[in-house]
C-alpha atoms as a PDB file:
ATOM      1  CA  MET A   1    -167.428 109.744 -72.344  1.00  0.00           C
ATOM      2  CA  VAL A   2    -167.994 109.425 -76.087  1.00  0.00           C
ATOM      3  CA  ILE A   3    -167.115 113.110 -76.622  1.00  0.00           C
ATOM      4  CA  ILE A   4    -164.004 112.793 -74.401  1.00  0.00           C
ATOM      5  CA  PHE A   5    -162.854 109.724 -76.340  1.00  0.00           C
ATOM      6  CA  LEU A   6    -163.329 111.450 -79.692  1.00  0.00           C
ATOM      7  CA  HIS A   7    -161.309 114.470 -78.519  1.00  0.00           C
ATOM      8  CA  LEU A   8    -158.488 112.224 -77.289  1.00  0.00           C
ATOM      9  CA  PHE A   9    -158.532 110.256 -80.553  1.00  0.00           C
ATOM     10  CA  GLY A  10    -158.442 113.491 -82.579  1.00  0.00           C
ATOM     11  CA  GLY A  11    -155.517 114.775 -80.542  1.00  0.00           C
ATOM     12  CA  LEU A  12    -153.433 111.724 -81.475  1.00  0.00           C
ATOM     13  CA  THR A  13    -153.845 112.157 -85.222  1.00  0.00           C
ATOM     14  CA  THR A  14    -150.864 113.336 -87.272  1.00  0.00           C
ATOM     15  CA  PRO A  15    -151.212 116.933 -88.532  1.00  0.00           C
ATOM     16  CA  ILE A  16    -150.867 117.582 -92.255  1.00  0.00           C
ATOM     17  CA  LYS A  17    -147.463 119.039 -93.175  1.00  0.00           C
ATOM     18  CA  ARG A  18    -147.430 122.627 -94.391  1.00  0.00           C
ATOM     19  CA  ASN A  19    -147.261 123.208 -98.141  1.00  0.00           C
ATOM     20  CA  TYR A  20    -145.339 126.324 -99.171  1.00  0.00           C
ATOM     21  CA  GLU A  21    -145.885 125.914-102.909  1.00  0.00           C
ATOM     22  CA  TYR A  22    -149.110 127.944-103.147  1.00  0.00           C
ATOM     23  CA  PRO A  23    -148.677 131.483-101.762  1.00  0.00           C
ATOM     24  CA  VAL A  24    -151.914 133.460-101.453  1.00  0.00           C
ATOM     25  CA  ALA A  25    -152.086 137.226-100.944  1.00  0.00           C
ATOM     26  CA  ILE A  26    -154.861 138.491 -98.682  1.00  0.00           C
ATOM     27  CA  TRP A  27    -155.971 142.126 -98.726  1.00  0.00           C
ATOM     28  CA  GLN A  28    -157.649 143.500 -95.603  1.00  0.00           C
ATOM     29  CA  THR A  29    -159.182 146.666 -97.048  1.00  0.00           C
ATOM     30  CA  ASN A  30    -160.231 148.394 -93.797  1.00  0.00           C
ATOM     31  CA  ILE A  31    -163.178 149.960 -95.670  1.00  0.00           C
ATOM     32  CA  PRO A  32    -166.550 149.579 -93.876  1.00  0.00           C
ATOM     33  CA  THR A  33    -169.465 148.930 -96.224  1.00  0.00           C
ATOM     34  CA  ARG A  34    -171.183 152.261 -95.536  1.00  0.00           C
ATOM     35  CA  GLU A  35    -167.970 154.119 -96.389  1.00  0.00           C
ATOM     36  CA  LYS A  36    -167.375 151.907 -99.412  1.00  0.00           C
ATOM     37  CA  LEU A  37    -170.666 153.082-100.931  1.00  0.00           C
ATOM     38  CA  LYS A  38    -169.335 156.655-100.924  1.00  0.00           C
ATOM     39  CA  ILE A  39    -166.064 155.711-102.651  1.00  0.00           C
ATOM     40  CA  ASN A  40    -165.846 155.668-106.440  1.00  0.00           C
ATOM     41  CA  ASP A  41    -164.483 152.782-108.498  1.00  0.00           C
ATOM     42  CA  GLU A  42    -161.311 154.656-109.442  1.00  0.00           C
ATOM     43  CA  PHE A  43    -160.222 154.707-105.792  1.00  0.00           C
ATOM     44  CA  ILE A  44    -160.870 150.951-105.472  1.00  0.00           C
ATOM     45  CA  LYS A  45    -159.037 150.295-108.752  1.00  0.00           C
ATOM     46  CA  GLU A  46    -156.008 152.159-107.433  1.00  0.00           C
ATOM     47  CA  LYS A  47    -156.076 150.149-104.195  1.00  0.00           C
ATOM     48  CA  LEU A  48    -156.589 146.917-106.133  1.00  0.00           C
ATOM     49  CA  SER A  49    -153.601 147.784-108.322  1.00  0.00           C
ATOM     50  CA  ILE A  50    -151.420 148.114-105.195  1.00  0.00           C
ATOM     51  CA  ALA A  51    -152.734 144.785-103.907  1.00  0.00           C
ATOM     52  CA  GLN A  52    -151.930 143.134-107.246  1.00  0.00           C
ATOM     53  CA  LYS A  53    -148.393 144.529-107.237  1.00  0.00           C
ATOM     54  CA  TYR A  54    -147.903 143.177-103.716  1.00  0.00           C
ATOM     55  CA  ALA A  55    -149.212 139.764-104.800  1.00  0.00           C
ATOM     56  CA  LEU A  56    -147.004 139.644-107.894  1.00  0.00           C
ATOM     57  CA  SER A  57    -143.878 140.793-106.027  1.00  0.00           C
ATOM     58  CA  ASN A  58    -144.403 137.904-103.593  1.00  0.00           C
ATOM     59  CA  LYS A  59    -145.164 135.416-106.390  1.00  0.00           C
ATOM     60  CA  ALA A  60    -148.683 134.816-105.073  1.00  0.00           C
ATOM     61  CA  GLN A  61    -150.852 132.535-107.171  1.00  0.00           C
ATOM     62  CA  LEU A  62    -154.064 134.051-105.840  1.00  0.00           C
ATOM     63  CA  LEU A  63    -155.278 137.366-104.366  1.00  0.00           C
ATOM     64  CA  VAL A  64    -158.313 137.356-102.044  1.00  0.00           C
ATOM     65  CA  ALA A  65    -160.317 140.446-100.974  1.00  0.00           C
ATOM     66  CA  PRO A  66    -163.210 140.661 -98.475  1.00  0.00           C
ATOM     67  CA  GLU A  67    -166.974 140.813 -98.832  1.00  0.00           C
ATOM     68  CA  GLY A  68    -168.366 143.921-100.528  1.00  0.00           C
ATOM     69  CA  THR A  69    -165.071 145.216-101.948  1.00  0.00           C
ATOM     70  CA  LEU A  70    -166.172 145.669-105.579  1.00  0.00           C
ATOM     71  CA  SER A  71    -169.252 147.515-106.807  1.00  0.00           C
ATOM     72  CA  ASN A  72    -171.760 146.170-109.287  1.00  0.00           C
ATOM     73  CA  ASN A  73    -170.478 146.280-112.900  1.00  0.00           C
ATOM     74  CA  PHE A  74    -166.873 146.681-111.708  1.00  0.00           C
ATOM     75  CA  TYR A  75    -164.642 146.758-114.807  1.00  0.00           C
ATOM     76  CA  LEU A  76    -160.871 146.859-115.360  1.00  0.00           C
ATOM     77  CA  SER A  77    -159.870 148.280-118.755  1.00  0.00           C
ATOM     78  CA  LYS A  78    -156.434 146.617-118.651  1.00  0.00           C
ATOM     79  CA  GLY A  79    -157.497 143.302-117.164  1.00  0.00           C
ATOM     80  CA  ILE A  80    -156.541 141.670-113.889  1.00  0.00           C
ATOM     81  CA  LYS A  81    -152.852 140.765-113.406  1.00  0.00           C
ATOM     82  CA  VAL A  82    -153.201 137.948-110.870  1.00  0.00           C
ATOM     83  CA  ASN A  83    -155.929 135.362-110.289  1.00  0.00           C
ATOM     84  CA  THR A  84    -158.325 137.026-107.858  1.00  0.00           C
ATOM     85  CA  LEU A  85    -161.308 136.214-105.649  1.00  0.00           C
ATOM     86  CA  ALA A  86    -162.957 139.414-104.401  1.00  0.00           C
ATOM     87  CA  GLY A  87    -166.195 140.095-102.576  1.00  0.00           C
ATOM     88  CA  GLY A  88    -168.508 142.306-104.580  1.00  0.00           C
ATOM     89  CA  PHE A  89    -171.978 142.840-105.979  1.00  0.00           C
ATOM     90  CA  ARG A  90    -173.684 141.657-109.149  1.00  0.00           C
ATOM     91  CA  TYR A  91    -177.157 141.776-110.674  1.00  0.00           C
ATOM     92  CA  SER A  92    -179.073 138.614-111.572  1.00  0.00           C
ATOM     93  CA  ASN A  93    -182.639 138.834-112.925  1.00  0.00           C
ATOM     94  CA  ASN A  94    -182.821 142.461-111.743  1.00  0.00           C
ATOM     95  CA  GLU A  95    -181.886 141.384-108.211  1.00  0.00           C
ATOM     96  CA  LEU A  96    -178.757 142.564-106.438  1.00  0.00           C
ATOM     97  CA  ARG A  97    -176.547 139.778-105.021  1.00  0.00           C
ATOM     98  CA  SER A  98    -173.555 139.901-102.696  1.00  0.00           C
ATOM     99  CA  SER A  99    -170.998 137.478-104.111  1.00  0.00           C
ATOM    100  CA  LEU A 100    -167.441 136.238-104.168  1.00  0.00           C
ATOM    101  CA  LEU A 101    -166.333 137.145-107.696  1.00  0.00           C
ATOM    102  CA  GLY A 102    -163.632 135.267-109.585  1.00  0.00           C
ATOM    103  CA  PHE A 103    -161.190 136.978-111.991  1.00  0.00           C
ATOM    104  CA  LYS A 104    -158.557 134.945-113.813  1.00  0.00           C
ATOM    105  CA  ILE A 105    -155.476 136.641-115.282  1.00  0.00           C
ATOM    106  CA  GLY A 106    -156.489 138.916-118.158  1.00  0.00           C
ATOM    107  CA  ASP A 107    -160.176 139.213-117.165  1.00  0.00           C
ATOM    108  CA  LYS A 108    -161.649 142.712-117.249  1.00  0.00           C
ATOM    109  CA  SER A 109    -164.740 141.678-115.300  1.00  0.00           C
ATOM    110  CA  PHE A 110    -165.575 138.615-113.232  1.00  0.00           C
ATOM    111  CA  THR A 111    -166.115 135.320-115.036  1.00  0.00           C
ATOM    112  CA  THR A 112    -167.055 133.088-112.076  1.00  0.00           C
ATOM    113  CA  PHE A 113    -168.978 133.743-108.870  1.00  0.00           C
ATOM    114  CA  ILE A 114    -170.717 132.260-105.868  1.00  0.00           C
ATOM    115  CA  ASP A 115    -173.576 134.247-104.309  1.00  0.00           C
ATOM    116  CA  LYS A 116    -174.169 134.816-100.630  1.00  0.00           C
ATOM    117  CA  ASN A 117    -177.085 132.719 -99.416  1.00  0.00           C
ATOM    118  CA  ARG A 118    -177.526 133.565 -95.721  1.00  0.00           C
ATOM    119  CA  LEU A 119    -178.561 137.220 -95.401  1.00  0.00           C
ATOM    120  CA  VAL A 120    -179.124 139.501 -92.423  1.00  0.00           C
ATOM    121  CA  PRO A 121    -182.877 140.299 -92.145  1.00  0.00           C
ATOM    122  CA  ILE A 122    -183.528 144.042 -92.730  1.00  0.00           C
ATOM    123  CA  GLY A 123    -179.763 144.726 -92.649  1.00  0.00           C
ATOM    124  CA  GLU A 124    -179.360 143.014 -96.063  1.00  0.00           C
ATOM    125  CA  LYS A 125    -182.535 141.234 -97.156  1.00  0.00           C
ATOM    126  CA  ILE A 126    -185.514 143.546 -97.361  1.00  0.00           C
ATOM    127  CA  PRO A 127    -189.106 142.250 -97.754  1.00  0.00           C
ATOM    128  CA  ARG A 128    -190.337 143.152-101.231  1.00  0.00           C
ATOM    129  CA  PHE A 129    -193.184 145.317 -99.885  1.00  0.00           C
ATOM    130  CA  LEU A 130    -190.526 147.536 -98.230  1.00  0.00           C
ATOM    131  CA  ASN A 131    -188.427 147.941-101.379  1.00  0.00           C
ATOM    132  CA  SER A 132    -189.253 151.644-101.695  1.00  0.00           C
ATOM    133  CA  PHE A 133    -187.761 152.214 -98.217  1.00  0.00           C
ATOM    134  CA  SER A 134    -184.826 149.827 -98.603  1.00  0.00           C
ATOM    135  CA  ARG A 135    -182.115 152.463 -98.983  1.00  0.00           C
ATOM    136  CA  GLY A 136    -182.825 153.746 -95.501  1.00  0.00           C
ATOM    137  CA  LEU A 137    -183.022 150.288 -93.935  1.00  0.00           C
ATOM    138  CA  SER A 138    -180.016 148.688 -95.605  1.00  0.00           C
ATOM    139  CA  ALA A 139    -176.586 150.108 -96.419  1.00  0.00           C
ATOM    140  CA  VAL A 140    -176.670 148.474 -99.859  1.00  0.00           C
ATOM    141  CA  GLY A 141    -180.357 148.997-100.570  1.00  0.00           C
ATOM    142  CA  GLY A 142    -181.360 145.366-100.077  1.00  0.00           C
ATOM    143  CA  ILE A 143    -179.955 142.193-101.687  1.00  0.00           C
ATOM    144  CA  GLN A 144    -181.376 138.775-102.518  1.00  0.00           C
ATOM    145  CA  PRO A 145    -179.932 135.334-101.655  1.00  0.00           C
ATOM    146  CA  GLY A 146    -178.265 133.014-104.126  1.00  0.00           C
ATOM    147  CA  SER A 147    -177.998 129.228-104.120  1.00  0.00           C
ATOM    148  CA  GLY A 148    -177.479 127.498-100.784  1.00  0.00           C
ATOM    149  CA  ALA A 149    -174.618 125.349-102.115  1.00  0.00           C
ATOM    150  CA  ARG A 150    -171.222 126.502-100.787  1.00  0.00           C
ATOM    151  CA  PHE A 151    -169.091 124.508-103.242  1.00  0.00           C
ATOM    152  CA  PHE A 152    -167.145 126.782-105.621  1.00  0.00           C
ATOM    153  CA  ASP A 153    -164.791 125.720-108.384  1.00  0.00           C
ATOM    154  CA  PRO A 154    -163.430 128.801-110.200  1.00  0.00           C
ATOM    155  CA  LYS A 155    -161.070 126.550-112.254  1.00  0.00           C
ATOM    156  CA  PHE A 156    -157.970 128.695-111.597  1.00  0.00           C
ATOM    157  CA  THR A 157    -157.764 127.383-108.006  1.00  0.00           C
ATOM    158  CA  PRO A 158    -158.483 123.970-106.484  1.00  0.00           C
ATOM    159  CA  PRO A 159    -162.168 123.555-105.506  1.00  0.00           C
ATOM    160  CA  LEU A 160    -163.267 125.616-102.504  1.00  0.00           C
ATOM    161  CA  ALA A 161    -165.876 125.682 -99.740  1.00  0.00           C
ATOM    162  CA  VAL A 162    -166.927 129.343 -99.508  1.00  0.00           C
ATOM    163  CA  ALA A 163    -168.595 131.099 -96.592  1.00  0.00           C
ATOM    164  CA  VAL A 164    -169.573 134.737 -96.999  1.00  0.00           C
ATOM    165  CA  CYS A 165    -169.634 136.334 -93.546  1.00  0.00           C
ATOM    166  CA  TYR A 166    -171.858 134.476 -91.052  1.00  0.00           C
ATOM    167  CA  GLU A 167    -172.420 131.548 -93.413  1.00  0.00           C
ATOM    168  CA  ILE A 168    -169.443 130.218 -91.446  1.00  0.00           C
ATOM    169  CA  SER A 169    -171.986 129.298 -88.751  1.00  0.00           C
ATOM    170  CA  ASP A 170    -173.612 126.717 -91.062  1.00  0.00           C
ATOM    171  CA  GLY A 171    -171.439 123.636 -90.562  1.00  0.00           C
ATOM    172  CA  LEU A 172    -173.754 121.431 -92.634  1.00  0.00           C
ATOM    173  CA  LYS A 173    -173.336 123.463 -95.829  1.00  0.00           C
ATOM    174  CA  ILE A 174    -169.560 123.666 -95.379  1.00  0.00           C
ATOM    175  CA  ARG A 175    -169.470 119.894 -94.848  1.00  0.00           C
ATOM    176  CA  ASN A 176    -171.553 119.339 -98.006  1.00  0.00           C
ATOM    177  CA  ALA A 177    -169.144 121.506-100.020  1.00  0.00           C
ATOM    178  CA  ILE A 178    -166.168 119.479 -98.796  1.00  0.00           C
ATOM    179  CA  ASN A 179    -167.949 116.243 -99.640  1.00  0.00           C
ATOM    180  CA  SER A 180    -168.418 117.697-103.130  1.00  0.00           C
ATOM    181  CA  GLY A 181    -164.640 118.036-103.477  1.00  0.00           C
ATOM    182  CA  ALA A 182    -163.618 121.305-101.801  1.00  0.00           C
ATOM    183  CA  LYS A 183    -160.000 121.273-100.568  1.00  0.00           C
ATOM    184  CA  LEU A 184    -159.905 124.600 -98.701  1.00  0.00           C
ATOM    185  CA  ILE A 185    -162.377 126.827 -96.858  1.00  0.00           C
ATOM    186  CA  ILE A 186    -162.389 130.515 -97.795  1.00  0.00           C
ATOM    187  CA  THR A 187    -164.352 132.910 -95.604  1.00  0.00           C
ATOM    188  CA  ALA A 188    -164.907 136.454 -96.898  1.00  0.00           C
ATOM    189  CA  ALA A 189    -166.591 138.829 -94.470  1.00  0.00           C
ATOM    190  CA  ASN A 190    -167.653 142.369 -93.592  1.00  0.00           C
ATOM    191  CA  LEU A 191    -167.529 142.728 -89.796  1.00  0.00           C
ATOM    192  CA  ASP A 192    -167.642 146.497 -89.331  1.00  0.00           C
ATOM    193  CA  PRO A 193    -169.164 148.224 -87.362  1.00  0.00           C
ATOM    194  CA  TYR A 194    -169.903 145.231 -85.133  1.00  0.00           C
ATOM    195  CA  PRO A 195    -168.490 144.904 -81.552  1.00  0.00           C
ATOM    196  CA  ALA A 196    -165.292 143.014 -80.680  1.00  0.00           C
ATOM    197  CA  LYS A 197    -167.280 140.158 -79.152  1.00  0.00           C
ATOM    198  CA  LEU A 198    -168.597 139.359 -82.630  1.00  0.00           C
ATOM    199  CA  TYR A 199    -165.049 139.218 -84.043  1.00  0.00           C
ATOM    200  CA  ASN A 200    -164.156 136.601 -81.422  1.00  0.00           C
ATOM    201  CA  GLN A 201    -167.308 134.602 -82.090  1.00  0.00           C
ATOM    202  CA  PHE A 202    -166.651 134.692 -85.833  1.00  0.00           C
ATOM    203  CA  LEU A 203    -163.080 133.473 -85.337  1.00  0.00           C
ATOM    204  CA  ALA A 204    -164.258 130.686 -83.014  1.00  0.00           C
ATOM    205  CA  LEU A 205    -166.738 129.489 -85.652  1.00  0.00           C
ATOM    206  CA  ALA A 206    -164.044 129.588 -88.344  1.00  0.00           C
ATOM    207  CA  ARG A 207    -161.753 127.442 -86.173  1.00  0.00           C
ATOM    208  CA  LEU A 208    -164.602 124.992 -85.508  1.00  0.00           C
ATOM    209  CA  ARG A 209    -165.237 124.507 -89.247  1.00  0.00           C
ATOM    210  CA  SER A 210    -161.512 123.757 -89.723  1.00  0.00           C
ATOM    211  CA  ILE A 211    -161.443 121.184 -86.922  1.00  0.00           C
ATOM    212  CA  GLU A 212    -164.648 119.467 -88.057  1.00  0.00           C
ATOM    213  CA  ASN A 213    -163.396 118.921 -91.601  1.00  0.00           C
ATOM    214  CA  LYS A 214    -159.582 118.995 -91.156  1.00  0.00           C
ATOM    215  CA  LYS A 215    -159.313 121.841 -93.630  1.00  0.00           C
ATOM    216  CA  ASN A 216    -157.397 125.104 -93.607  1.00  0.00           C
ATOM    217  CA  ASN A 217    -159.646 128.157 -93.412  1.00  0.00           C
ATOM    218  CA  LEU A 218    -158.464 131.337 -95.134  1.00  0.00           C
ATOM    219  CA  LEU A 219    -160.159 134.392 -93.606  1.00  0.00           C
ATOM    220  CA  VAL A 220    -160.411 137.800 -95.291  1.00  0.00           C
ATOM    221  CA  SER A 221    -162.516 140.505 -93.622  1.00  0.00           C
ATOM    222  CA  ASN A 222    -162.666 144.208 -94.377  1.00  0.00           C
ATOM    223  CA  THR A 223    -161.539 145.251 -90.872  1.00  0.00           C
ATOM    224  CA  GLY A 224    -160.531 141.812 -89.571  1.00  0.00           C
ATOM    225  CA  PRO A 225    -160.179 139.105 -88.544  1.00  0.00           C
ATOM    226  CA  SER A 226    -158.056 138.163 -91.562  1.00  0.00           C
ATOM    227  CA  GLY A 227    -155.478 135.397 -91.704  1.00  0.00           C
ATOM    228  CA  LEU A 228    -155.129 131.635 -91.827  1.00  0.00           C
ATOM    229  CA  VAL A 229    -156.493 128.928 -89.554  1.00  0.00           C
ATOM    230  CA  GLN A 230    -154.834 125.499 -89.676  1.00  0.00           C
ATOM    231  CA  ASP A 231    -156.762 122.239 -90.097  1.00  0.00           C
ATOM    232  CA  ASP A 232    -156.584 121.596 -86.324  1.00  0.00           C
ATOM    233  CA  GLY A 233    -158.015 125.026 -85.451  1.00  0.00           C
ATOM    234  CA  LYS A 234    -154.645 126.598 -84.660  1.00  0.00           C
ATOM    235  CA  ILE A 235    -154.301 130.216 -85.822  1.00  0.00           C
ATOM    236  CA  ILE A 236    -151.198 130.375 -88.013  1.00  0.00           C
ATOM    237  CA  GLN A 237    -151.344 134.040 -89.007  1.00  0.00           C
ATOM    238  CA  MET A 238    -153.699 136.861 -88.057  1.00  0.00           C
ATOM    239  CA  LEU A 239    -153.558 140.493 -89.219  1.00  0.00           C
ATOM    240  CA  ASP A 240    -154.071 143.476 -86.935  1.00  0.00           C
ATOM    241  CA  LEU A 241    -157.654 144.698 -86.690  1.00  0.00           C
ATOM    242  CA  ASN A 242    -158.869 147.952 -88.257  1.00  0.00           C
ATOM    243  CA  VAL A 243    -155.858 148.636 -90.486  1.00  0.00           C
ATOM    244  CA  GLU A 244    -155.372 148.205 -94.214  1.00  0.00           C
ATOM    245  CA  GLN A 245    -152.877 145.410 -94.640  1.00  0.00           C
ATOM    246  CA  TYR A 246    -151.560 142.861 -97.116  1.00  0.00           C
ATOM    247  CA  GLU A 247    -150.141 139.485 -96.170  1.00  0.00           C
ATOM    248  CA  ILE A 248    -148.929 136.289 -97.814  1.00  0.00           C
ATOM    249  CA  VAL A 249    -150.248 133.020 -96.398  1.00  0.00           C
ATOM    250  CA  PHE A 250    -149.621 129.430 -97.430  1.00  0.00           C
ATOM    251  CA  PRO A 251    -152.834 127.406 -97.162  1.00  0.00           C
ATOM    252  CA  ASN A 252    -152.865 123.651 -97.556  1.00  0.00           C
ATOM    253  CA  PHE A 253    -155.270 122.113-100.043  1.00  0.00           C
ATOM    254  CA  SER A 254    -156.364 118.740 -98.712  1.00  0.00           C
ATOM    255  CA  SER A 255    -158.689 116.008 -99.985  1.00  0.00           C
ATOM    256  CA  GLU A 256    -158.738 114.249 -96.616  1.00  0.00           C
ATOM    257  CA  LYS A 257    -162.156 113.795 -95.010  1.00  0.00           C
ATOM    258  CA  THR A 258    -162.851 113.430 -91.314  1.00  0.00           C
ATOM    259  CA  PHE A 259    -165.372 111.140 -89.647  1.00  0.00           C
ATOM    260  CA  TYR A 260    -167.657 114.164 -89.291  1.00  0.00           C
ATOM    261  CA  THR A 261    -167.236 115.123 -92.950  1.00  0.00           C
ATOM    262  CA  LYS A 262    -168.267 111.632 -94.033  1.00  0.00           C
ATOM    263  CA  PHE A 263    -171.124 110.983 -91.606  1.00  0.00           C
ATOM    264  CA  GLY A 264    -172.156 114.382 -90.237  1.00  0.00           C
ATOM    265  CA  ASP A 265    -174.513 114.392 -87.256  1.00  0.00           C
ATOM    266  CA  LYS A 266    -175.980 110.936 -87.964  1.00  0.00           C
ATOM    267  CA  PRO A 267    -173.800 109.066 -85.401  1.00  0.00           C
ATOM    268  CA  ILE A 268    -174.692 111.587 -82.659  1.00  0.00           C
ATOM    269  CA  PHE A 269    -178.375 111.310 -83.599  1.00  0.00           C
ATOM    270  CA  CYS A 270    -178.182 107.498 -83.482  1.00  0.00           C
ATOM    271  CA  LEU A 271    -176.498 107.677 -80.049  1.00  0.00           C
ATOM    272  CA  PHE A 272    -179.253 110.012 -78.870  1.00  0.00           C
ATOM    273  CA  ILE A 273    -181.965 107.569 -79.998  1.00  0.00           C
ATOM    274  CA  PHE A 274    -180.056 104.649 -78.427  1.00  0.00           C
ATOM    275  CA  PHE A 275    -179.671 106.326 -75.028  1.00  0.00           C
ATOM    276  CA  MET A 276    -183.261 107.603 -75.065  1.00  0.00           C
ATOM    277  CA  GLY A 277    -184.406 104.024 -75.726  1.00  0.00           C
ATOM    278  CA  LEU A 278    -182.109 102.702 -73.006  1.00  0.00           C
ATOM    279  CA  ASN A 279    -183.460 105.289 -70.551  1.00  0.00           C
ATOM    280  CA  PHE A 280    -187.042 104.335 -71.423  1.00  0.00           C
ATOM    281  CA  PHE A 281    -186.222 100.621 -71.008  1.00  0.00           C
ATOM    282  CA  TRP A 282    -184.758 101.206 -67.537  1.00  0.00           C
ATOM    283  CA  LYS A 283    -187.797 103.219 -66.449  1.00  0.00           C
ATOM    284  CA  ILE A 284    -190.337 100.538 -67.391  1.00  0.00           C
ATOM    285  CA  ASN A 285    -188.269  97.895 -65.635  1.00  0.00           C
END
């Protein structure tokens, strides 16, 4: 009954009006990670240049590209032309990290970043004693996790809650980022060559994070799903799967916090303890 009441109460709330003052260009690269490793930087630079031109022609204030798009030490001799958040790799203390890299206009290399924390065992994170075999076990040769905090403030955008791939399943860390001031969720992913069922699960989790925190969720994956999820979980725009595509979306940046954002799972835990105690009381009487 409590869950039913909360759903009914949530359904009666007034949705946030759309804000069309902050166009964002998303670039679905359609390049699987294993293929990406065989492609040189010049090819990616050419593709990035096309994406930038598309963003500029549509007056986008931000360009977002998926997980794993840029190689380590990626460098632009002429500098970036539009504020950009792109998935890529970087070295820290001789350890390879998968990150969302931030480039502000004029930057030749990234100046801000947030590292991926939740890694796929064997597929990404390799035990150190298997390092000599890592190239055969992992497409990228093994990476290491960064900080668990998902709050990211690149300064050229409002503060963000960032999930890299299946970090979208960790509602607690997304909630913590929003409590730290994040106004939008950005999810950058690499979902190839996984089955369609995983795409649907990923999208369901992305919608859940939006509903929990009443925040738009901007999705950018290499082969999809890519698009925009509204703060009530409604899919506003979604690109076709398995094609290279550019699109302009208009995410809302909101400071509003839901009951869940403020209190998390504590109320449910307290209800659990209460009903367990009530059940015990009835049994002994």
